[in-house]
Protein backbone atom coordinates (compact mmCIF):
# COMPACT_ATOMS: atom_id res chain seq x y z
CA UNK A 1 -1.84 -3.73 20.06
CA UNK A 2 -1.55 -0.14 19.62
CA UNK A 3 -3.83 1.17 16.63
CA UNK A 4 -2.50 3.73 14.34
CA UNK A 5 -4.83 5.80 12.09
CA UNK A 6 -3.72 7.63 8.96
CA UNK A 7 -5.25 10.72 7.47
CA UNK A 8 -7.46 10.50 4.34
CA UNK A 9 -5.70 9.76 1.24
CA UNK A 10 -2.59 8.07 2.78
CA UNK A 11 -4.22 4.70 2.61
CA UNK A 12 -3.70 4.58 -1.22
CA UNK A 13 -0.02 4.44 -1.14
CA UNK A 14 -0.04 1.75 1.69
CA UNK A 15 -2.62 -0.38 -0.14
CA UNK A 16 -0.14 -0.24 -3.07
CA UNK A 17 2.56 -1.83 -0.74
CA UNK A 18 4.52 1.36 0.24
CA UNK A 19 5.85 0.45 3.74
CA UNK A 20 6.29 3.83 5.29
CA UNK A 21 4.03 6.06 7.21
CA UNK A 22 5.20 9.52 7.89
CA UNK A 23 4.73 11.33 11.23
CA UNK A 24 2.89 14.07 9.22
CA UNK A 25 0.18 11.47 8.01
CA UNK A 26 -0.70 10.01 11.16
CA UNK A 27 -4.24 11.20 12.51
CA UNK A 28 -3.68 9.49 15.78
CA UNK A 29 -2.89 6.56 18.04
CA UNK A 30 -5.18 4.50 20.32
CA UNK A 31 -2.58 5.11 23.19
CA UNK A 32 0.81 6.84 23.29
CA UNK A 33 3.24 4.36 21.72
CA UNK A 34 6.92 3.64 22.89
CA UNK A 35 9.75 3.48 20.23
CA UNK A 36 9.79 -0.23 18.79
CA UNK A 37 6.20 -0.95 19.78
CA UNK A 38 4.57 -3.13 17.15
CA UNK A 39 1.25 -1.51 15.67
CA UNK A 40 -1.74 -1.92 13.67
CA UNK A 41 -2.10 0.47 10.87
CA UNK A 42 -5.57 1.49 9.82
CA UNK A 43 -6.94 4.11 7.42
CA UNK A 44 -9.10 7.02 8.79
CA UNK A 45 -12.45 4.83 8.70
CA UNK A 46 -10.72 2.06 10.91
CA UNK A 47 -9.92 -0.41 8.06
CA UNK A 48 -6.93 -2.63 8.42
CA UNK A 49 -4.02 -1.71 6.30
CA UNK A 50 -0.95 -3.40 7.94
CA UNK A 51 1.31 -4.53 10.80
CA UNK A 52 4.51 -2.47 11.66
CA UNK A 53 6.62 -1.01 14.19
CA UNK A 54 6.74 2.57 15.45
CA UNK A 55 9.01 5.40 16.29
CA UNK A 56 6.86 8.46 17.11
CA UNK A 57 10.09 10.34 17.27
CA UNK A 58 11.21 9.73 13.77
CA UNK A 59 9.93 11.50 10.57
CA UNK A 60 9.15 8.02 9.25
CA UNK A 61 7.05 6.99 12.16
CA UNK A 62 5.80 3.71 11.17
CA UNK A 63 7.41 0.90 8.91
CA UNK A 64 5.00 -1.67 7.65
CA UNK A 65 6.30 -5.31 7.60
CA UNK A 66 3.06 -7.22 6.70
CA UNK A 67 0.04 -5.95 4.63
CA UNK A 68 -1.92 -9.21 5.45
CA UNK A 69 -4.26 -9.27 8.25
CA UNK A 70 -3.62 -13.12 8.83
CA UNK A 71 0.20 -12.44 8.90
CA UNK A 72 1.09 -10.67 12.21
CA UNK A 73 4.69 -9.85 13.23
CA UNK A 74 6.41 -12.73 14.91
CA UNK A 75 9.32 -14.85 15.00
CA UNK A 76 7.87 -17.04 12.10
CA UNK A 77 7.34 -14.00 9.83
CA UNK A 78 10.99 -12.91 10.19
CA UNK A 79 12.25 -16.40 9.56
CA UNK A 80 9.96 -16.88 6.44
CA UNK A 81 11.41 -13.57 4.98
CA UNK A 82 14.88 -14.60 5.53
CA UNK A 83 14.29 -17.93 4.26
CA UNK A 84 12.86 -16.36 1.01
CA UNK A 85 15.75 -14.01 0.84
CA UNK A 86 18.18 -16.95 1.02
CA UNK A 87 16.24 -18.70 -1.85
CA UNK A 88 16.33 -15.68 -3.99
CA UNK A 89 20.14 -15.14 -3.67
CA UNK A 90 20.72 -18.97 -4.68
CA UNK A 91 18.97 -18.33 -8.10
CA UNK A 92 21.30 -15.33 -8.93
CA UNK A 93 24.56 -17.03 -9.90
CA UNK A 94 26.68 -14.26 -8.47
CA UNK A 95 30.00 -15.91 -8.67
CA UNK A 96 30.92 -14.90 -5.41
CA UNK A 97 31.02 -16.06 -1.85
CA UNK A 98 30.12 -12.75 -0.51
CA UNK A 99 26.67 -10.98 -1.02
CA UNK A 100 23.76 -9.01 0.34
CA UNK A 101 21.38 -11.62 1.98
CA UNK A 102 18.69 -8.98 3.07
CA UNK A 103 18.33 -5.63 1.47
CA UNK A 104 16.02 -3.95 4.10
CA UNK A 105 12.75 -2.89 2.21
CA UNK A 106 13.88 -4.76 -0.74
CA UNK A 107 13.41 -7.97 1.05
CA UNK A 108 10.25 -6.80 2.97
CA UNK A 109 12.47 -6.30 6.33
CA UNK A 110 12.70 -2.52 6.67
CA UNK A 111 15.65 -1.46 8.98
CA UNK A 112 17.64 -4.70 8.22
CA UNK A 113 20.43 -5.28 6.05
CA UNK A 114 22.39 -8.75 6.30
CA UNK A 115 25.63 -9.31 4.35
CA UNK A 116 27.27 -12.60 4.01
CA UNK A 117 31.27 -12.88 3.72
CA UNK A 118 31.98 -16.40 3.41
CA UNK A 119 31.43 -18.10 6.65
CA UNK A 120 30.48 -14.83 8.38
CA UNK A 121 27.60 -12.64 8.41
CA UNK A 122 27.26 -8.96 9.10
CA UNK A 123 23.91 -7.43 10.39
CA UNK A 124 23.43 -3.86 10.11
CA UNK A 125 20.40 -2.37 11.97
CA UNK A 126 19.06 1.08 10.95
CA UNK A 127 15.80 1.33 12.92
CA UNK A 128 14.82 1.06 16.71
CA UNK A 129 11.87 -1.27 15.81
CA UNK A 130 14.25 -3.60 14.05
CA UNK A 131 16.52 -3.73 16.84
CA UNK A 132 13.73 -4.96 19.11
CA UNK A 133 13.20 -7.84 16.61
CA UNK A 134 16.99 -8.66 16.25
CA UNK A 135 16.87 -11.67 18.60
CA UNK A 136 14.50 -13.28 16.00
CA UNK A 137 16.75 -12.09 13.26
CA UNK A 138 19.85 -13.72 14.85
CA UNK A 139 18.04 -16.94 15.67
CA UNK A 140 17.00 -17.46 12.11
CA UNK A 141 20.39 -16.48 10.69
CA UNK A 142 21.96 -19.08 12.83
CA UNK A 143 19.56 -21.83 12.05
CA UNK A 144 19.20 -21.39 8.46
CA UNK A 145 22.95 -20.52 7.53
CA UNK A 146 25.03 -21.84 10.30
CA UNK A 147 27.69 -19.19 10.02
CA UNK A 148 30.86 -19.16 12.20
CA UNK A 149 29.97 -15.83 13.50
CA UNK A 150 27.62 -12.74 13.34
CA UNK A 151 28.87 -9.19 13.69
CA UNK A 152 26.16 -6.53 14.49
CA UNK A 153 26.76 -2.78 13.14
CA UNK A 154 24.72 0.11 13.79
CA UNK A 155 23.90 2.49 10.74
CA UNK A 156 24.44 6.09 10.82
CA UNK A 157 20.78 6.78 10.47
CA UNK A 158 19.84 4.50 13.41
CA UNK A 159 22.14 6.64 15.84
CA UNK A 160 21.36 10.06 14.41
CA UNK A 161 17.64 9.92 13.53
CA UNK A 162 16.25 6.77 15.45
CA UNK A 163 17.98 7.33 18.68
CA UNK A 164 19.48 3.82 19.06
CA UNK A 165 21.99 2.93 21.62
CA UNK A 166 23.03 -0.48 20.50
CA UNK A 167 26.71 -1.35 20.41
CA UNK A 168 28.54 -2.85 17.53
CA UNK A 169 30.05 -6.19 18.01
CA UNK A 170 29.96 -9.91 17.64
CA UNK A 171 26.58 -11.35 18.68
CA UNK A 172 27.28 -15.08 17.71
CA UNK A 173 30.43 -17.26 17.54
CA UNK A 174 33.56 -15.41 16.58
CA UNK A 175 34.40 -12.90 13.87
CA UNK A 176 37.96 -12.22 12.64
CA UNK A 177 39.04 -8.66 11.98
CA UNK A 178 39.47 -9.49 8.29
CA UNK A 179 38.05 -12.18 5.97
CA UNK A 180 39.15 -12.67 2.48
CA UNK A 181 36.23 -13.16 -0.12
CA UNK A 182 36.08 -14.29 -3.80
CA UNK A 183 34.52 -12.29 -6.77
CA UNK A 184 34.96 -13.95 -10.09
CA UNK A 185 38.76 -14.21 -10.61
CA UNK A 186 39.58 -11.76 -7.98
CA UNK A 187 40.04 -12.05 -4.03
CA UNK A 188 39.29 -9.16 -1.36
CA UNK A 189 40.52 -8.78 2.08
CA UNK A 190 37.44 -7.33 3.95
CA UNK A 191 37.64 -5.60 7.33
CA UNK A 192 34.35 -6.34 8.76
CA UNK A 193 34.38 -4.07 12.01
CA UNK A 194 36.61 -1.18 10.65
CA UNK A 195 35.44 -1.09 7.19
CA UNK A 196 32.67 1.27 5.45
CA UNK A 197 29.21 -0.04 5.25
CA UNK A 198 29.46 -3.59 6.19
CA UNK A 199 32.98 -3.85 4.99
CA UNK A 200 32.82 -4.05 1.30
CA UNK A 201 30.93 -2.42 -1.59
CA UNK A 202 28.91 -5.48 -2.64
CA UNK A 203 26.34 -3.43 -4.64
CA UNK A 204 29.08 -2.47 -7.24
CA UNK A 205 29.75 -6.02 -8.22
CA UNK A 206 27.88 -5.64 -11.68
CA UNK A 207 29.74 -2.42 -12.26
CA UNK A 208 33.28 -3.89 -11.71
CA UNK A 209 32.29 -6.46 -14.26
CA UNK A 210 31.13 -3.99 -16.99
CA UNK A 211 34.19 -1.73 -16.32
CA UNK A 212 36.32 -4.44 -17.72
CA UNK A 213 34.71 -4.14 -21.10
CA UNK A 214 35.94 -0.64 -21.39
CA UNK A 215 39.62 -1.48 -20.82
CA UNK A 216 41.63 -1.46 -24.11
CA UNK A 217 45.13 -3.00 -24.69
CA UNK A 218 47.57 -0.71 -23.16
CA UNK A 219 45.10 1.70 -21.30
CA UNK A 220 45.83 4.15 -18.87
CA UNK A 221 43.12 4.22 -16.29
CA UNK A 222 42.14 6.51 -13.21
CA UNK A 223 40.11 5.30 -10.27
CA UNK A 224 38.90 7.94 -8.00
CA UNK A 225 37.45 7.23 -4.66
CA UNK A 226 39.01 3.94 -5.11
CA UNK A 227 38.44 2.56 -1.37
CA UNK A 228 39.94 -0.90 -1.17
CA UNK A 229 40.73 -1.07 -5.00
CA UNK A 230 37.69 -2.95 -6.39
CA UNK A 231 37.57 -1.01 -9.76
CA UNK A 232 41.35 -0.61 -9.90
CA UNK A 233 42.05 -4.35 -9.71
CA UNK A 234 39.47 -5.21 -12.32
CA UNK A 235 41.02 -2.58 -14.79
CA UNK A 236 44.31 -4.18 -14.14
CA UNK A 237 43.14 -7.70 -14.45
CA UNK A 238 41.58 -6.69 -17.97
CA UNK A 239 44.94 -5.79 -19.21
CA UNK A 240 45.34 -2.03 -18.52
CA UNK A 241 49.07 -1.09 -18.85
CA UNK A 242 48.80 1.55 -16.08
CA UNK A 243 46.26 2.25 -13.32
CA UNK A 244 46.12 5.27 -10.84
CA UNK A 245 44.00 4.81 -7.83
CA UNK A 246 43.17 7.45 -5.55
CA UNK A 247 41.56 7.83 -2.15
CA UNK A 248 41.71 10.12 0.81
CA UNK A 249 41.85 7.21 3.28
CA UNK A 250 45.28 6.02 4.13
CA UNK A 251 43.59 2.71 5.74
CA UNK A 252 41.55 2.01 2.59
CA UNK A 253 44.66 2.43 0.40
CA UNK A 254 46.64 -0.08 2.60
CA UNK A 255 43.84 -2.71 2.25
CA UNK A 256 43.85 -2.02 -1.45
CA UNK A 257 47.51 -2.58 -1.69
CA UNK A 258 47.15 -5.86 0.05
CA UNK A 259 44.36 -6.79 -2.33
CA UNK A 260 46.81 -6.04 -5.25
CA UNK A 261 49.38 -8.39 -3.66
CA UNK A 262 46.59 -10.99 -3.01
CA UNK A 263 45.95 -11.07 -6.60
CA UNK A 264 49.58 -10.89 -7.96
CA UNK A 265 48.76 -7.59 -9.53
CA UNK A 266 51.47 -4.91 -9.98
CA UNK A 267 51.47 -1.67 -11.92
CA UNK A 268 48.81 0.18 -9.74
CA UNK A 269 49.87 3.51 -8.65
CA UNK A 270 48.23 4.27 -4.96
CA UNK A 271 47.62 7.81 -4.21
CA UNK A 272 46.49 9.29 -1.03
CA UNK A 273 44.84 12.66 -1.87
CA UNK A 274 41.68 14.58 -2.24
CA UNK A 275 39.93 13.46 -5.62
CA UNK A 276 38.96 17.17 -6.50
CA UNK A 277 42.58 18.36 -5.76
CA UNK A 278 44.12 15.59 -7.74
CA UNK A 279 42.08 15.96 -10.86
CA UNK A 280 43.20 19.71 -10.87
CA UNK A 281 46.74 18.43 -10.48
CA UNK A 282 46.37 15.94 -13.46
CA UNK A 283 44.84 18.65 -15.46
CA UNK A 284 47.63 21.25 -14.81
CA UNK A 285 50.18 18.49 -15.59
CA UNK A 286 48.56 17.59 -18.96
CA UNK A 287 48.04 13.75 -18.09
CA UNK A 288 45.67 11.84 -20.06
CA UNK A 289 43.69 8.73 -19.41
CA UNK A 290 41.59 6.09 -21.56
CA UNK A 291 39.11 5.51 -18.67
CA UNK A 292 38.06 7.34 -15.50
CA UNK A 293 35.99 5.96 -12.99
CA UNK A 294 34.44 8.15 -10.10
CA UNK A 295 32.49 6.56 -7.36
CA UNK A 296 32.11 9.21 -4.69
CA UNK A 297 30.67 9.04 -1.33
CA UNK A 298 26.87 10.06 -1.01
CA UNK A 299 26.84 13.94 -2.07
CA UNK A 300 23.05 14.03 -1.26
CA UNK A 301 22.01 12.39 1.99
CA UNK A 302 18.88 14.52 1.94
CA UNK A 303 16.76 16.25 -0.61
CA UNK A 304 18.01 19.66 0.58
CA UNK A 305 21.48 18.89 -0.27
CA UNK A 306 20.68 17.95 -4.09
CA UNK A 307 21.74 21.34 -5.31
CA UNK A 308 25.13 21.20 -3.76
CA UNK A 309 25.70 17.67 -4.71
CA UNK A 310 25.08 18.61 -8.48
CA UNK A 311 27.69 21.16 -8.08
CA UNK A 312 29.97 18.46 -6.88
CA UNK A 313 29.10 15.97 -9.68
CA UNK A 314 29.52 18.82 -12.37
CA UNK A 315 32.86 19.80 -11.04
CA UNK A 316 34.05 16.13 -11.05
CA UNK A 317 32.68 15.82 -14.62
CA UNK A 318 34.40 19.02 -15.92
CA UNK A 319 37.76 17.84 -14.46
CA UNK A 320 37.55 14.42 -15.87
CA UNK A 321 36.52 15.62 -19.19
CA UNK A 322 39.69 17.68 -19.42
CA UNK A 323 41.95 14.40 -18.80
CA UNK A 324 40.16 11.90 -20.83
CA UNK A 325 41.56 10.97 -24.35
CA UNK A 326 39.33 11.17 -27.37
CA UNK A 327 37.38 7.87 -27.49
CA UNK A 328 38.09 7.35 -23.87
CA UNK A 329 35.58 6.53 -21.21
CA UNK A 330 34.03 8.09 -18.14
CA UNK A 331 32.10 6.00 -15.69
CA UNK A 332 30.36 7.65 -12.62
CA UNK A 333 28.05 6.78 -10.03
CA UNK A 334 25.94 8.12 -7.23
CA UNK A 335 24.88 5.91 -4.12
CA UNK A 336 22.17 8.34 -3.00
CA UNK A 337 18.40 7.83 -3.57
CA UNK A 338 17.93 11.50 -3.74
CA UNK A 339 20.29 11.72 -6.68
CA UNK A 340 18.25 10.13 -9.81
CA UNK A 341 19.53 9.08 -13.19
CA UNK A 342 18.13 12.34 -14.60
CA UNK A 343 20.40 14.22 -12.18
CA UNK A 344 23.41 12.47 -13.18
CA UNK A 345 22.72 13.19 -17.13
CA UNK A 346 22.02 16.65 -16.26
CA UNK A 347 25.19 17.14 -14.50
CA UNK A 348 27.01 15.44 -17.37
CA UNK A 349 25.12 17.50 -19.99
CA UNK A 350 26.07 20.94 -18.11
CA UNK A 351 29.68 19.76 -17.85
CA UNK A 352 30.15 18.96 -21.49
CA UNK A 353 28.46 22.14 -22.51
CA UNK A 354 31.08 24.03 -20.32
CA UNK A 355 33.96 22.38 -21.90
CA UNK A 356 32.56 21.88 -25.38
CA UNK A 357 33.01 18.36 -25.84
CA UNK A 358 30.58 15.63 -27.16
CA UNK A 359 29.84 12.49 -25.42
CA UNK A 360 28.12 9.24 -26.36
CA UNK A 361 26.23 7.52 -23.62
CA UNK A 362 27.15 3.74 -23.71
CA UNK A 363 25.42 2.46 -20.82
CA UNK A 364 23.57 2.90 -17.59
CA UNK A 365 23.47 0.75 -14.55
CA UNK A 366 22.01 0.24 -10.95
CA UNK A 367 23.10 -1.92 -7.99
CA UNK A 368 23.47 -5.61 -8.60
CA UNK A 369 20.74 -8.17 -8.15
CA UNK A 370 21.39 -9.17 -4.54
CA UNK A 371 20.13 -5.46 -3.61
CA UNK A 372 16.71 -5.66 -5.14
CA UNK A 373 14.82 -2.67 -6.28
CA UNK A 374 11.09 -2.96 -5.74
CA UNK A 375 9.00 -0.99 -8.14
CA UNK A 376 6.45 0.15 -5.30
CA UNK A 377 9.42 1.22 -3.01
CA UNK A 378 11.44 3.87 -5.00
CA UNK A 379 13.78 4.18 -2.14
CA UNK A 380 15.06 0.62 -2.77
CA UNK A 381 16.93 2.04 -5.81
CA UNK A 382 19.93 3.98 -4.79
CA UNK A 383 22.99 3.31 -6.77
CA UNK A 384 22.92 4.51 -10.20
CA UNK A 385 25.84 4.64 -12.96
CA UNK A 386 26.42 6.52 -16.20
CA UNK A 387 29.00 5.32 -18.64
CA UNK A 388 30.12 7.89 -21.53
CA UNK A 389 32.51 7.98 -24.21
CA UNK A 390 34.21 11.18 -25.00
CA UNK A 391 34.02 11.70 -28.99
């Protein structure tokens, strides 16, 4: 097996179970590696640090799967990790038949996401190294879950940064274009092949529950970047008199309308529009809401785009503050690792300073429990939410 030596000082973070080795931190290889090769990582003095897979073309050149010398990467290791992931989810009482089964580094399987939608499984591969281990992944999933079908997706990072050429499609059994899942007292249609991510924003389950607490009798609510209606349906189910749901994607809105019909919910106004433009329109018309929810796509996909992202969050918040009634609420989220909770609070502080309003922070949140956040791996915390009352 190819040996990878890291520069002095790098071993400290690896021994603290940080699973990434950056290209800049590699001192050398025992021989030239190929993408996806399994490797042994050693410190500058040759002491064992872990087993991983390598992509010398990527900024993150090695991802470590095992830190134990007696635990090499093989079929049994992959199966054991998936089995432990299953056992963890069984303890969560998520009240849904859809959940994330494997959350990449959060389940000690970097480069692998596995989502379950009832009888069907969606596997998303984001690294070249994990794609070379996928036959072990599929074998374990079939044996442990016995799904009717498995659909493979290729993440955006995989094609852009890892050079993967795998194709998306069914890899086991059969998978319909659309499945219906249950979450609490609501049902949702999920388009597995055509939907964003693996088909549904499972990570916002906790946030959808919390939003119901902010809906008062006869509330008028606004759901921006509504996608297939997760927040809008929950606000309506909680008793909102009027819900306006906005998304730029007609396809997403058509699914959202079907979801409303599936749950016998009426009184939701579905609007195809750019959220920034629509907020300006609402402000010019003098319309007011009791609750505004904003769940935009990732504004910062890298650290270099944080400044632009902050401008985007601030503008959204300024516009929202103009249309929220006194004692009304704003809930807003970021799904980017590079945007921290502190960034979101700073954007809100700058926005309220510009519009001369006071707000009370009433809650904060992050992704639900089936998307585990490991303390030693900061990158596993990506979704953050802030809830504020406008005084």
